[in-house]
Full PDB file with SEQRES, HELIX, SHEET, SSBOND, CRYST1, ORIGX, SCALE, CONECT and MASTER records, all heavy atoms in Angstrom:
SEQRES   1 A   43  ASN VAL THR LEU PRO GLU PRO ASP TRP SER PRO GLN ARG          
SEQRES   2 A   43  ILE ALA GLU HIS MET ALA GLY PHE ASN ARG GLY THR VAL          
SEQRES   3 A   43  ILE SER THR ALA ILE HIS GLU ALA TYR PRO GLY HIS TYR          
SEQRES   4 A   43  THR GLN PHE LEU                                              
HELIX    1 AA1 PRO A   11  ALA A   19  1                                   9    
HELIX    2 AA2 ARG A   23  GLU A   33  1                                  11    
HELIX    3 AA3 HIS A   38  PHE A   42  1                                   5    
CRYST1    1.000    1.000    1.000  90.00  90.00  90.00 P 1           1          
ORIGX1      1.000000  0.000000  0.000000        0.00000                         
ORIGX2      0.000000  1.000000  0.000000        0.00000                         
ORIGX3      0.000000  0.000000  1.000000        0.00000                         
SCALE1      1.000000  0.000000  0.000000        0.00000                         
SCALE2      0.000000  1.000000  0.000000        0.00000                         
SCALE3      0.000000  0.000000  1.000000        0.00000                         
ATOM      1  N   ASN A   1       7.449  -2.482  -5.188  1.00  0.00           N  
ATOM      2  CA  ASN A   1       8.723  -3.181  -5.350  1.00  0.00           C  
ATOM      3  C   ASN A   1       8.777  -3.926  -6.673  1.00  0.00           C  
ATOM      4  O   ASN A   1       7.838  -4.651  -7.014  1.00  0.00           O  
ATOM      5  CB  ASN A   1       8.930  -4.190  -4.210  1.00  0.00           C  
ATOM      6  CG  ASN A   1       8.878  -3.540  -2.845  1.00  0.00           C  
ATOM      7  OD1 ASN A   1       9.478  -2.494  -2.621  1.00  0.00           O  
ATOM      8  ND2 ASN A   1       8.145  -4.148  -1.919  1.00  0.00           N  
ATOM      9  N   VAL A   2       9.869  -3.776  -7.397  1.00  0.00           N  
ATOM     10  CA  VAL A   2      10.081  -4.471  -8.665  1.00  0.00           C  
ATOM     11  C   VAL A   2      11.449  -5.143  -8.618  1.00  0.00           C  
ATOM     12  O   VAL A   2      12.449  -4.516  -8.242  1.00  0.00           O  
ATOM     13  CB  VAL A   2      10.002  -3.509  -9.858  1.00  0.00           C  
ATOM     14  CG1 VAL A   2      10.294  -4.240 -11.164  1.00  0.00           C  
ATOM     15  CG2 VAL A   2       8.626  -2.841  -9.926  1.00  0.00           C  
ATOM     16  N   THR A   3      11.493  -6.427  -8.974  1.00  0.00           N  
ATOM     17  CA  THR A   3      12.736  -7.198  -8.909  1.00  0.00           C  
ATOM     18  C   THR A   3      13.530  -7.025 -10.194  1.00  0.00           C  
ATOM     19  O   THR A   3      13.077  -7.412 -11.281  1.00  0.00           O  
ATOM     20  CB  THR A   3      12.439  -8.690  -8.678  1.00  0.00           C  
ATOM     21  OG1 THR A   3      11.656  -8.822  -7.490  1.00  0.00           O  
ATOM     22  CG2 THR A   3      13.729  -9.477  -8.525  1.00  0.00           C  
ATOM     23  N   LEU A   4      14.710  -6.441 -10.074  1.00  0.00           N  
ATOM     24  CA  LEU A   4      15.603  -6.235 -11.212  1.00  0.00           C  
ATOM     25  C   LEU A   4      16.560  -7.423 -11.339  1.00  0.00           C  
ATOM     26  O   LEU A   4      16.799  -8.152 -10.370  1.00  0.00           O  
ATOM     27  CB  LEU A   4      16.401  -4.950 -11.037  1.00  0.00           C  
ATOM     28  CG  LEU A   4      15.593  -3.663 -10.820  1.00  0.00           C  
ATOM     29  CD1 LEU A   4      16.529  -2.460 -10.687  1.00  0.00           C  
ATOM     30  CD2 LEU A   4      14.617  -3.439 -11.960  1.00  0.00           C  
ATOM     31  N   PRO A   5      17.146  -7.640 -12.527  1.00  0.00           N  
ATOM     32  CA  PRO A   5      18.132  -8.716 -12.674  1.00  0.00           C  
ATOM     33  C   PRO A   5      19.340  -8.481 -11.766  1.00  0.00           C  
ATOM     34  O   PRO A   5      19.738  -7.337 -11.525  1.00  0.00           O  
ATOM     35  CB  PRO A   5      18.536  -8.631 -14.153  1.00  0.00           C  
ATOM     36  CG  PRO A   5      17.420  -7.906 -14.821  1.00  0.00           C  
ATOM     37  CD  PRO A   5      16.874  -6.954 -13.808  1.00  0.00           C  
ATOM     38  N   GLU A   6      19.903  -9.561 -11.255  1.00  0.00           N  
ATOM     39  CA  GLU A   6      21.099  -9.467 -10.427  1.00  0.00           C  
ATOM     40  C   GLU A   6      22.335  -9.279 -11.314  1.00  0.00           C  
ATOM     41  O   GLU A   6      22.376  -9.750 -12.453  1.00  0.00           O  
ATOM     42  CB  GLU A   6      21.264 -10.738  -9.584  1.00  0.00           C  
ATOM     43  CG  GLU A   6      20.128 -10.977  -8.594  1.00  0.00           C  
ATOM     44  CD  GLU A   6      20.128  -9.999  -7.439  1.00  0.00           C  
ATOM     45  OE1 GLU A   6      21.105  -9.239  -7.291  1.00  0.00           O  
ATOM     46  OE2 GLU A   6      19.140  -9.984  -6.676  1.00  0.00           O  
ATOM     47  N   PRO A   7      23.368  -8.582 -10.812  1.00  0.00           N  
ATOM     48  CA  PRO A   7      24.555  -8.304 -11.627  1.00  0.00           C  
ATOM     49  C   PRO A   7      25.286  -9.549 -12.124  1.00  0.00           C  
ATOM     50  O   PRO A   7      25.930  -9.506 -13.180  1.00  0.00           O  
ATOM     51  CB  PRO A   7      25.450  -7.497 -10.673  1.00  0.00           C  
ATOM     52  CG  PRO A   7      24.519  -6.925  -9.653  1.00  0.00           C  
ATOM     53  CD  PRO A   7      23.430  -7.945  -9.491  1.00  0.00           C  
ATOM     54  N   ASP A   8      25.199 -10.654 -11.371  1.00  0.00           N  
ATOM     55  CA  ASP A   8      25.959 -11.849 -11.755  1.00  0.00           C  
ATOM     56  C   ASP A   8      25.162 -12.811 -12.628  1.00  0.00           C  
ATOM     57  O   ASP A   8      25.620 -13.923 -12.910  1.00  0.00           O  
ATOM     58  CB  ASP A   8      26.465 -12.578 -10.505  1.00  0.00           C  
ATOM     59  CG  ASP A   8      25.325 -13.026  -9.584  1.00  0.00           C  
ATOM     60  OD1 ASP A   8      24.173 -12.588  -9.797  1.00  0.00           O  
ATOM     61  OD2 ASP A   8      25.597 -13.819  -8.666  1.00  0.00           O  
ATOM     62  N   TRP A   9      23.967 -12.438 -13.084  1.00  0.00           N  
ATOM     63  CA  TRP A   9      23.180 -13.321 -13.929  1.00  0.00           C  
ATOM     64  C   TRP A   9      23.754 -13.401 -15.335  1.00  0.00           C  
ATOM     65  O   TRP A   9      24.339 -12.435 -15.838  1.00  0.00           O  
ATOM     66  CB  TRP A   9      21.737 -12.825 -14.005  1.00  0.00           C  
ATOM     67  CG  TRP A   9      20.918 -13.100 -12.783  1.00  0.00           C  
ATOM     68  CD1 TRP A   9      21.341 -13.688 -11.621  1.00  0.00           C  
ATOM     69  CD2 TRP A   9      19.534 -12.778 -12.595  1.00  0.00           C  
ATOM     70  NE1 TRP A   9      20.306 -13.757 -10.720  1.00  0.00           N  
ATOM     71  CE2 TRP A   9      19.194 -13.217 -11.287  1.00  0.00           C  
ATOM     72  CE3 TRP A   9      18.578 -12.181 -13.379  1.00  0.00           C  
ATOM     73  CZ2 TRP A   9      17.914 -13.064 -10.771  1.00  0.00           C  
ATOM     74  CZ3 TRP A   9      17.298 -12.016 -12.877  1.00  0.00           C  
ATOM     75  CH2 TRP A   9      16.967 -12.451 -11.574  1.00  0.00           C  
ATOM     76  N   SER A  10      23.517 -14.535 -15.982  1.00  0.00           N  
ATOM     77  CA  SER A  10      23.926 -14.710 -17.372  1.00  0.00           C  
ATOM     78  C   SER A  10      22.998 -13.896 -18.282  1.00  0.00           C  
ATOM     79  O   SER A  10      21.864 -13.579 -17.899  1.00  0.00           O  
ATOM     80  CB  SER A  10      23.854 -16.184 -17.767  1.00  0.00           C  
ATOM     81  OG  SER A  10      22.495 -16.619 -17.786  1.00  0.00           O  
ATOM     82  N   PRO A  11      23.456 -13.565 -19.496  1.00  0.00           N  
ATOM     83  CA  PRO A  11      22.575 -12.836 -20.434  1.00  0.00           C  
ATOM     84  C   PRO A  11      21.265 -13.572 -20.700  1.00  0.00           C  
ATOM     85  O   PRO A  11      20.210 -12.930 -20.826  1.00  0.00           O  
ATOM     86  CB  PRO A  11      23.427 -12.736 -21.700  1.00  0.00           C  
ATOM     87  CG  PRO A  11      24.843 -12.764 -21.202  1.00  0.00           C  
ATOM     88  CD  PRO A  11      24.817 -13.698 -20.026  1.00  0.00           C  
ATOM     89  N   GLN A  12      21.310 -14.908 -20.758  1.00  0.00           N  
ATOM     90  CA  GLN A  12      20.089 -15.669 -21.013  1.00  0.00           C  
ATOM     91  C   GLN A  12      19.108 -15.527 -19.858  1.00  0.00           C  
ATOM     92  O   GLN A  12      17.904 -15.326 -20.066  1.00  0.00           O  
ATOM     93  CB  GLN A  12      20.404 -17.147 -21.242  1.00  0.00           C  
ATOM     94  CG  GLN A  12      19.147 -17.992 -21.484  1.00  0.00           C  
ATOM     95  CD  GLN A  12      19.459 -19.461 -21.693  1.00  0.00           C  
ATOM     96  OE1 GLN A  12      20.611 -19.846 -21.838  1.00  0.00           O  
ATOM     97  NE2 GLN A  12      18.426 -20.293 -21.699  1.00  0.00           N  
ATOM     98  N   ARG A  13      19.626 -15.614 -18.625  1.00  0.00           N  
ATOM     99  CA  ARG A  13      18.735 -15.501 -17.477  1.00  0.00           C  
ATOM    100  C   ARG A  13      18.135 -14.096 -17.383  1.00  0.00           C  
ATOM    101  O   ARG A  13      16.964 -13.931 -17.043  1.00  0.00           O  
ATOM    102  CB  ARG A  13      19.483 -15.837 -16.187  1.00  0.00           C  
ATOM    103  CG  ARG A  13      18.570 -15.905 -14.970  1.00  0.00           C  
ATOM    104  CD  ARG A  13      19.305 -16.352 -13.722  1.00  0.00           C  
ATOM    105  NE  ARG A  13      18.400 -16.412 -12.577  1.00  0.00           N  
ATOM    106  CZ  ARG A  13      18.776 -16.652 -11.329  1.00  0.00           C  
ATOM    107  NH1 ARG A  13      20.058 -16.866 -11.055  1.00  0.00           N  
ATOM    108  NH2 ARG A  13      17.900 -16.679 -10.344  1.00  0.00           N  
ATOM    109  N   ILE A  14      18.936 -13.088 -17.714  1.00  0.00           N  
ATOM    110  CA  ILE A  14      18.423 -11.716 -17.708  1.00  0.00           C  
ATOM    111  C   ILE A  14      17.309 -11.567 -18.735  1.00  0.00           C  
ATOM    112  O   ILE A  14      16.253 -10.985 -18.460  1.00  0.00           O  
ATOM    113  CB  ILE A  14      19.562 -10.715 -17.984  1.00  0.00           C  
ATOM    114  CG1 ILE A  14      20.535 -10.680 -16.804  1.00  0.00           C  
ATOM    115  CG2 ILE A  14      18.994  -9.314 -18.243  1.00  0.00           C  
ATOM    116  CD1 ILE A  14      21.771  -9.837 -17.058  1.00  0.00           C  
ATOM    117  N   ALA A  15      17.534 -12.133 -19.939  1.00  0.00           N  
ATOM    118  CA  ALA A  15      16.524 -12.031 -20.992  1.00  0.00           C  
ATOM    119  C   ALA A  15      15.230 -12.730 -20.586  1.00  0.00           C  
ATOM    120  O   ALA A  15      14.123 -12.221 -20.821  1.00  0.00           O  
ATOM    121  CB  ALA A  15      17.067 -12.628 -22.290  1.00  0.00           C  
ATOM    122  N   GLU A  16      15.351 -13.906 -19.957  1.00  0.00           N  
ATOM    123  CA  GLU A  16      14.159 -14.632 -19.523  1.00  0.00           C  
ATOM    124  C   GLU A  16      13.433 -13.870 -18.418  1.00  0.00           C  
ATOM    125  O   GLU A  16      12.196 -13.833 -18.378  1.00  0.00           O  
ATOM    126  CB  GLU A  16      14.542 -16.035 -19.046  1.00  0.00           C  
ATOM    127  CG  GLU A  16      14.980 -16.966 -20.170  1.00  0.00           C  
ATOM    128  CD  GLU A  16      15.312 -18.358 -19.661  1.00  0.00           C  
ATOM    129  OE1 GLU A  16      15.398 -18.527 -18.427  1.00  0.00           O  
ATOM    130  OE2 GLU A  16      15.487 -19.258 -20.489  1.00  0.00           O  
ATOM    131  N   HIS A  17      14.196 -13.269 -17.510  1.00  0.00           N  
ATOM    132  CA  HIS A  17      13.583 -12.489 -16.438  1.00  0.00           C  
ATOM    133  C   HIS A  17      12.843 -11.286 -17.011  1.00  0.00           C  
ATOM    134  O   HIS A  17      11.695 -11.007 -16.639  1.00  0.00           O  
ATOM    135  CB  HIS A  17      14.673 -12.027 -15.465  1.00  0.00           C  
ATOM    136  CG  HIS A  17      14.160 -11.192 -14.327  1.00  0.00           C  
ATOM    137  ND1 HIS A  17      13.607 -11.731 -13.196  1.00  0.00           N  
ATOM    138  CD2 HIS A  17      14.104  -9.833 -14.153  1.00  0.00           C  
ATOM    139  CE1 HIS A  17      13.244 -10.770 -12.368  1.00  0.00           C  
ATOM    140  NE2 HIS A  17      13.535  -9.611 -12.927  1.00  0.00           N  
ATOM    141  N   MET A  18      13.479 -10.576 -17.923  1.00  0.00           N  
ATOM    142  CA  MET A  18      12.874  -9.373 -18.487  1.00  0.00           C  
ATOM    143  C   MET A  18      11.699  -9.689 -19.404  1.00  0.00           C  
ATOM    144  O   MET A  18      10.867  -8.809 -19.666  1.00  0.00           O  
ATOM    145  CB  MET A  18      13.930  -8.559 -19.235  1.00  0.00           C  
ATOM    146  CG  MET A  18      15.001  -7.958 -18.328  1.00  0.00           C  
ATOM    147  SD  MET A  18      14.329  -6.938 -16.983  1.00  0.00           S  
ATOM    148  CE  MET A  18      13.522  -5.630 -17.917  1.00  0.00           C  
ATOM    149  N   ALA A  19      11.624 -10.951 -19.890  1.00  0.00           N  
ATOM    150  CA  ALA A  19      10.445 -11.345 -20.678  1.00  0.00           C  
ATOM    151  C   ALA A  19       9.172 -11.216 -19.858  1.00  0.00           C  
ATOM    152  O   ALA A  19       8.078 -11.004 -20.396  1.00  0.00           O  
ATOM    153  CB  ALA A  19      10.603 -12.775 -21.191  1.00  0.00           C  
ATOM    154  N   GLY A  20       9.297 -11.333 -18.533  1.00  0.00           N  
ATOM    155  CA  GLY A  20       8.151 -11.156 -17.651  1.00  0.00           C  
ATOM    156  C   GLY A  20       7.759  -9.704 -17.439  1.00  0.00           C  
ATOM    157  O   GLY A  20       6.765  -9.417 -16.781  1.00  0.00           O  
ATOM    158  N   PHE A  21       8.552  -8.777 -17.999  1.00  0.00           N  
ATOM    159  CA  PHE A  21       8.261  -7.346 -17.899  1.00  0.00           C  
ATOM    160  C   PHE A  21       8.158  -6.737 -19.293  1.00  0.00           C  
ATOM    161  O   PHE A  21       8.783  -5.731 -19.600  1.00  0.00           O  
ATOM    162  CB  PHE A  21       9.351  -6.632 -17.092  1.00  0.00           C  
ATOM    163  CG  PHE A  21       9.360  -6.966 -15.629  1.00  0.00           C  
ATOM    164  CD1 PHE A  21      10.444  -7.595 -15.048  1.00  0.00           C  
ATOM    165  CD2 PHE A  21       8.279  -6.645 -14.832  1.00  0.00           C  
ATOM    166  CE1 PHE A  21      10.466  -7.884 -13.696  1.00  0.00           C  
ATOM    167  CE2 PHE A  21       8.287  -6.937 -13.470  1.00  0.00           C  
ATOM    168  CZ  PHE A  21       9.381  -7.562 -12.899  1.00  0.00           C  
ATOM    169  N   ASN A  22       7.389  -7.394 -20.147  1.00  0.00           N  
ATOM    170  CA  ASN A  22       7.173  -6.836 -21.477  1.00  0.00           C  
ATOM    171  C   ASN A  22       6.128  -5.726 -21.414  1.00  0.00           C  
ATOM    172  O   ASN A  22       5.570  -5.431 -20.349  1.00  0.00           O  
ATOM    173  CB  ASN A  22       6.781  -7.939 -22.462  1.00  0.00           C  
ATOM    174  CG  ASN A  22       5.510  -8.652 -22.048  1.00  0.00           C  
ATOM    175  OD1 ASN A  22       4.433  -8.082 -22.042  1.00  0.00           O  
ATOM    176  ND2 ASN A  22       5.639  -9.928 -21.685  1.00  0.00           N  
ATOM    177  N   ARG A  23       5.849  -5.123 -22.560  1.00  0.00           N  
ATOM    178  CA  ARG A  23       4.946  -3.971 -22.590  1.00  0.00           C  
ATOM    179  C   ARG A  23       3.568  -4.317 -22.041  1.00  0.00           C  
ATOM    180  O   ARG A  23       2.924  -3.503 -21.364  1.00  0.00           O  
ATOM    181  CB  ARG A  23       4.831  -3.446 -24.017  1.00  0.00           C  
ATOM    182  CG  ARG A  23       4.079  -2.137 -24.125  1.00  0.00           C  
ATOM    183  CD  ARG A  23       4.389  -1.433 -25.438  1.00  0.00           C  
ATOM    184  NE  ARG A  23       3.908  -2.183 -26.585  1.00  0.00           N  
ATOM    185  CZ  ARG A  23       2.681  -2.052 -27.105  1.00  0.00           C  
ATOM    186  NH1 ARG A  23       1.821  -1.220 -26.540  1.00  0.00           N  
ATOM    187  NH2 ARG A  23       2.316  -2.733 -28.160  1.00  0.00           N  
ATOM    188  N   GLY A  24       3.107  -5.536 -22.321  1.00  0.00           N  
ATOM    189  CA  GLY A  24       1.796  -5.938 -21.828  1.00  0.00           C  
ATOM    190  C   GLY A  24       1.781  -6.223 -20.343  1.00  0.00           C  
ATOM    191  O   GLY A  24       0.883  -5.784 -19.617  1.00  0.00           O  
ATOM    192  N   THR A  25       2.796  -6.963 -19.859  1.00  0.00           N  
ATOM    193  CA  THR A  25       2.789  -7.336 -18.445  1.00  0.00           C  
ATOM    194  C   THR A  25       3.216  -6.192 -17.533  1.00  0.00           C  
ATOM    195  O   THR A  25       2.896  -6.200 -16.343  1.00  0.00           O  
ATOM    196  CB  THR A  25       3.670  -8.577 -18.202  1.00  0.00           C  
ATOM    197  OG1 THR A  25       4.961  -8.364 -18.766  1.00  0.00           O  
ATOM    198  CG2 THR A  25       3.055  -9.817 -18.840  1.00  0.00           C  
ATOM    199  N   VAL A  26       3.947  -5.203 -18.047  1.00  0.00           N  
ATOM    200  CA  VAL A  26       4.209  -4.013 -17.241  1.00  0.00           C  
ATOM    201  C   VAL A  26       2.880  -3.332 -16.892  1.00  0.00           C  
ATOM    202  O   VAL A  26       2.645  -2.925 -15.745  1.00  0.00           O  
ATOM    203  CB  VAL A  26       5.153  -3.036 -17.984  1.00  0.00           C  
ATOM    204  CG1 VAL A  26       5.097  -1.639 -17.352  1.00  0.00           C  
ATOM    205  CG2 VAL A  26       6.583  -3.550 -17.945  1.00  0.00           C  
ATOM    206  N   ILE A  27       1.985  -3.242 -17.889  1.00  0.00           N  
ATOM    207  CA  ILE A  27       0.675  -2.633 -17.633  1.00  0.00           C  
ATOM    208  C   ILE A  27      -0.127  -3.475 -16.639  1.00  0.00           C  
ATOM    209  O   ILE A  27      -0.658  -2.960 -15.647  1.00  0.00           O  
ATOM    210  CB  ILE A  27      -0.115  -2.481 -18.943  1.00  0.00           C  
ATOM    211  CG1 ILE A  27       0.605  -1.543 -19.912  1.00  0.00           C  
ATOM    212  CG2 ILE A  27      -1.539  -1.984 -18.656  1.00  0.00           C  
ATOM    213  CD1 ILE A  27       0.741  -0.125 -19.430  1.00  0.00           C  
ATOM    214  N   SER A  28      -0.221  -4.780 -16.880  1.00  0.00           N  
ATOM    215  CA  SER A  28      -1.039  -5.614 -15.999  1.00  0.00           C  
ATOM    216  C   SER A  28      -0.455  -5.660 -14.595  1.00  0.00           C  
ATOM    217  O   SER A  28      -1.191  -5.707 -13.603  1.00  0.00           O  
ATOM    218  CB  SER A  28      -1.195  -7.027 -16.572  1.00  0.00           C  
ATOM    219  OG  SER A  28       0.052  -7.673 -16.712  1.00  0.00           O  
ATOM    220  N   THR A  29       0.887  -5.632 -14.467  1.00  0.00           N  
ATOM    221  CA  THR A  29       1.512  -5.629 -13.139  1.00  0.00           C  
ATOM    222  C   THR A  29       1.234  -4.321 -12.413  1.00  0.00           C  
ATOM    223  O   THR A  29       0.955  -4.312 -11.204  1.00  0.00           O  
ATOM    224  CB  THR A  29       3.034  -5.864 -13.262  1.00  0.00           C  
ATOM    225  OG1 THR A  29       3.272  -7.106 -13.924  1.00  0.00           O  
ATOM    226  CG2 THR A  29       3.687  -5.890 -11.893  1.00  0.00           C  
ATOM    227  N   ALA A  30       1.298  -3.197 -13.132  1.00  0.00           N  
ATOM    228  CA  ALA A  30       1.001  -1.906 -12.502  1.00  0.00           C  
ATOM    229  C   ALA A  30      -0.458  -1.828 -12.067  1.00  0.00           C  
ATOM    230  O   ALA A  30      -0.770  -1.287 -10.994  1.00  0.00           O  
ATOM    231  CB  ALA A  30       1.327  -0.775 -13.475  1.00  0.00           C  
ATOM    232  N   ILE A  31      -1.351  -2.369 -12.872  1.00  0.00           N  
ATOM    233  CA  ILE A  31      -2.768  -2.434 -12.484  1.00  0.00           C  
ATOM    234  C   ILE A  31      -2.920  -3.297 -11.237  1.00  0.00           C  
ATOM    235  O   ILE A  31      -3.595  -2.921 -10.276  1.00  0.00           O  
ATOM    236  CB  ILE A  31      -3.607  -3.010 -13.639  1.00  0.00           C  
ATOM    237  CG1 ILE A  31      -3.674  -2.019 -14.805  1.00  0.00           C  
ATOM    238  CG2 ILE A  31      -5.027  -3.354 -13.162  1.00  0.00           C  
ATOM    239  CD1 ILE A  31      -4.290  -2.595 -16.070  1.00  0.00           C  
ATOM    240  N   HIS A  32      -2.281  -4.461 -11.246  1.00  0.00           N  
ATOM    241  CA  HIS A  32      -2.392  -5.435 -10.158  1.00  0.00           C  
ATOM    242  C   HIS A  32      -1.871  -4.850  -8.838  1.00  0.00           C  
ATOM    243  O   HIS A  32      -2.529  -4.936  -7.801  1.00  0.00           O  
ATOM    244  CB  HIS A  32      -1.598  -6.685 -10.537  1.00  0.00           C  
ATOM    245  CG  HIS A  32      -1.584  -7.753  -9.507  1.00  0.00           C  
ATOM    246  ND1 HIS A  32      -2.302  -8.921  -9.635  1.00  0.00           N  
ATOM    247  CD2 HIS A  32      -0.938  -7.862  -8.311  1.00  0.00           C  
ATOM    248  CE1 HIS A  32      -2.097  -9.692  -8.579  1.00  0.00           C  
ATOM    249  NE2 HIS A  32      -1.261  -9.062  -7.762  1.00  0.00           N  
ATOM    250  N   GLU A  33      -0.681  -4.266  -8.892  1.00  0.00           N  
ATOM    251  CA  GLU A  33      -0.035  -3.832  -7.651  1.00  0.00           C  
ATOM    252  C   GLU A  33      -0.549  -2.485  -7.145  1.00  0.00           C  
ATOM    253  O   GLU A  33      -0.572  -2.243  -5.940  1.00  0.00           O  
ATOM    254  CB  GLU A  33       1.489  -3.748  -7.844  1.00  0.00           C  
ATOM    255  CG  GLU A  33       2.159  -5.068  -8.232  1.00  0.00           C  
ATOM    256  CD  GLU A  33       2.061  -6.141  -7.153  1.00  0.00           C  
ATOM    257  OE1 GLU A  33       1.732  -5.794  -5.995  1.00  0.00           O  
ATOM    258  OE2 GLU A  33       2.312  -7.312  -7.455  1.00  0.00           O  
ATOM    259  N   ALA A  34      -0.947  -1.593  -8.072  1.00  0.00           N  
ATOM    260  CA  ALA A  34      -1.234  -0.219  -7.652  1.00  0.00           C  
ATOM    261  C   ALA A  34      -2.647   0.244  -7.972  1.00  0.00           C  
ATOM    262  O   ALA A  34      -3.487   0.398  -7.081  1.00  0.00           O  
ATOM    263  CB  ALA A  34      -0.204   0.725  -8.299  1.00  0.00           C  
ATOM    264  N   TYR A  35      -2.926   0.504  -9.236  1.00  0.00           N  
ATOM    265  CA  TYR A  35      -4.173   1.153  -9.632  1.00  0.00           C  
ATOM    266  C   TYR A  35      -4.967   0.309 -10.607  1.00  0.00           C  
ATOM    267  O   TYR A  35      -4.552   0.129 -11.736  1.00  0.00           O  
ATOM    268  CB  TYR A  35      -3.881   2.507 -10.283  1.00  0.00           C  
ATOM    269  CG  TYR A  35      -3.237   3.528  -9.392  1.00  0.00           C  
ATOM    270  CD1 TYR A  35      -2.082   4.186  -9.797  1.00  0.00           C  
ATOM    271  CD2 TYR A  35      -3.776   3.858  -8.148  1.00  0.00           C  
ATOM    272  CE1 TYR A  35      -1.480   5.148  -8.996  1.00  0.00           C  
ATOM    273  CE2 TYR A  35      -3.180   4.820  -7.337  1.00  0.00           C  
ATOM    274  CZ  TYR A  35      -2.029   5.461  -7.774  1.00  0.00           C  
ATOM    275  OH  TYR A  35      -1.448   6.409  -6.976  1.00  0.00           O  
ATOM    276  N   PRO A  36      -6.112  -0.244 -10.211  1.00  0.00           N  
ATOM    277  CA  PRO A  36      -6.784  -0.115  -8.910  1.00  0.00           C  
ATOM    278  C   PRO A  36      -6.598  -1.350  -8.037  1.00  0.00           C  
ATOM    279  O   PRO A  36      -7.499  -1.725  -7.307  1.00  0.00           O  
ATOM    280  CB  PRO A  36      -8.240   0.035  -9.328  1.00  0.00           C  
ATOM    281  CG  PRO A  36      -8.362  -0.902 -10.504  1.00  0.00           C  
ATOM    282  CD  PRO A  36      -7.033  -0.827 -11.222  1.00  0.00           C  
ATOM    283  N   GLY A  37      -5.423  -2.004  -8.108  1.00  0.00           N  
ATOM    284  CA  GLY A  37      -5.192  -3.256  -7.406  1.00  0.00           C  
ATOM    285  C   GLY A  37      -4.857  -3.087  -5.935  1.00  0.00           C  
ATOM    286  O   GLY A  37      -5.553  -2.399  -5.194  1.00  0.00           O  
ATOM    287  N   HIS A  38      -3.739  -3.715  -5.508  1.00  0.00           N  
ATOM    288  CA  HIS A  38      -3.434  -3.804  -4.077  1.00  0.00           C  
ATOM    289  C   HIS A  38      -3.388  -2.444  -3.377  1.00  0.00           C  
ATOM    290  O   HIS A  38      -3.950  -2.276  -2.293  1.00  0.00           O  
ATOM    291  CB  HIS A  38      -2.095  -4.506  -3.874  1.00  0.00           C  
ATOM    292  CG  HIS A  38      -2.100  -5.956  -4.224  1.00  0.00           C  
ATOM    293  ND1 HIS A  38      -3.169  -6.786  -3.965  1.00  0.00           N  
ATOM    294  CD2 HIS A  38      -1.148  -6.740  -4.811  1.00  0.00           C  
ATOM    295  CE1 HIS A  38      -2.887  -8.010  -4.373  1.00  0.00           C  
ATOM    296  NE2 HIS A  38      -1.681  -8.004  -4.892  1.00  0.00           N  
ATOM    297  N   TYR A  39      -2.678  -1.483  -3.961  1.00  0.00           N  
ATOM    298  CA  TYR A  39      -2.519  -0.196  -3.282  1.00  0.00           C  
ATOM    299  C   TYR A  39      -3.878   0.438  -3.003  1.00  0.00           C  
ATOM    300  O   TYR A  39      -4.166   0.869  -1.879  1.00  0.00           O  
ATOM    301  CB  TYR A  39      -1.642   0.726  -4.125  1.00  0.00           C  
ATOM    302  CG  TYR A  39      -1.415   2.094  -3.531  1.00  0.00           C  
ATOM    303  CD1 TYR A  39      -1.029   2.243  -2.193  1.00  0.00           C  
ATOM    304  CD2 TYR A  39      -1.564   3.248  -4.287  1.00  0.00           C  
ATOM    305  CE1 TYR A  39      -0.814   3.488  -1.643  1.00  0.00           C  
ATOM    306  CE2 TYR A  39      -1.342   4.504  -3.741  1.00  0.00           C  
ATOM    307  CZ  TYR A  39      -0.970   4.620  -2.419  1.00  0.00           C  
ATOM    308  OH  TYR A  39      -0.754   5.865  -1.873  1.00  0.00           O  
ATOM    309  N   THR A  40      -4.715   0.473  -4.017  1.00  0.00           N  
ATOM    310  CA  THR A  40      -6.036   1.076  -3.848  1.00  0.00           C  
ATOM    311  C   THR A  40      -6.866   0.307  -2.825  1.00  0.00           C  
ATOM    312  O   THR A  40      -7.506   0.895  -1.944  1.00  0.00           O  
ATOM    313  CB  THR A  40      -6.770   1.110  -5.206  1.00  0.00           C  
ATOM    314  OG1 THR A  40      -5.963   1.793  -6.155  1.00  0.00           O  
ATOM    315  CG2 THR A  40      -8.113   1.805  -5.077  1.00  0.00           C  
ATOM    316  N   GLN A  41      -6.849  -1.020  -2.921  1.00  0.00           N  
ATOM    317  CA  GLN A  41      -7.643  -1.820  -1.992  1.00  0.00           C  
ATOM    318  C   GLN A  41      -7.175  -1.659  -0.550  1.00  0.00           C  
ATOM    319  O   GLN A  41      -7.983  -1.491   0.369  1.00  0.00           O  
ATOM    320  CB  GLN A  41      -7.604  -3.300  -2.375  1.00  0.00           C  
ATOM    321  CG  GLN A  41      -8.493  -4.158  -1.469  1.00  0.00           C  
ATOM    322  CD  GLN A  41      -8.420  -5.633  -1.789  1.00  0.00           C  
ATOM    323  OE1 GLN A  41      -7.461  -6.090  -2.416  1.00  0.00           O  
ATOM    324  NE2 GLN A  41      -9.416  -6.383  -1.393  1.00  0.00           N  
ATOM    325  N   PHE A  42      -5.858  -1.687  -0.331  1.00  0.00           N  
ATOM    326  CA  PHE A  42      -5.357  -1.600   1.044  1.00  0.00           C  
ATOM    327  C   PHE A  42      -5.591  -0.211   1.639  1.00  0.00           C  
ATOM    328  O   PHE A  42      -5.704  -0.067   2.864  1.00  0.00           O  
ATOM    329  CB  PHE A  42      -3.881  -1.967   1.095  1.00  0.00           C  
ATOM    330  CG  PHE A  42      -3.623  -3.422   0.772  1.00  0.00           C  
ATOM    331  CD1 PHE A  42      -2.412  -3.826   0.232  1.00  0.00           C  
ATOM    332  CD2 PHE A  42      -4.600  -4.386   0.979  1.00  0.00           C  
ATOM    333  CE1 PHE A  42      -2.178  -5.156  -0.078  1.00  0.00           C  
ATOM    334  CE2 PHE A  42      -4.378  -5.716   0.678  1.00  0.00           C  
ATOM    335  CZ  PHE A  42      -3.158  -6.109   0.152  1.00  0.00           C  
ATOM    336  N   LEU A  43      -5.657   0.821   0.793  1.00  0.00           N  
ATOM    337  CA  LEU A  43      -6.049   2.132   1.305  1.00  0.00           C  
ATOM    338  C   LEU A  43      -7.490   2.099   1.828  1.00  0.00           C  
ATOM    339  O   LEU A  43      -7.810   2.728   2.842  1.00  0.00           O  
ATOM    340  CB  LEU A  43      -5.915   3.194   0.205  1.00  0.00           C  
ATOM    341  CG  LEU A  43      -4.492   3.591  -0.184  1.00  0.00           C  
ATOM    342  CD1 LEU A  43      -4.514   4.501  -1.407  1.00  0.00           C  
ATOM    343  CD2 LEU A  43      -3.754   4.266   0.965  1.00  0.00           C  
TER     344      LEU A  43                                                      
MASTER        0    0    0    3    0    0    0    6  343    1    0    4          
END                                                                             
């Protein structure tokens, strides 16, 4: 599950939200949630 910006958010709030999904944190989040993080462990 990935939380996307809501349609009624302001441009500033969208930008701040998406700052948490930069190129570096997309990788670390995918590692954390899936491989070899939660998904692998729960299997």
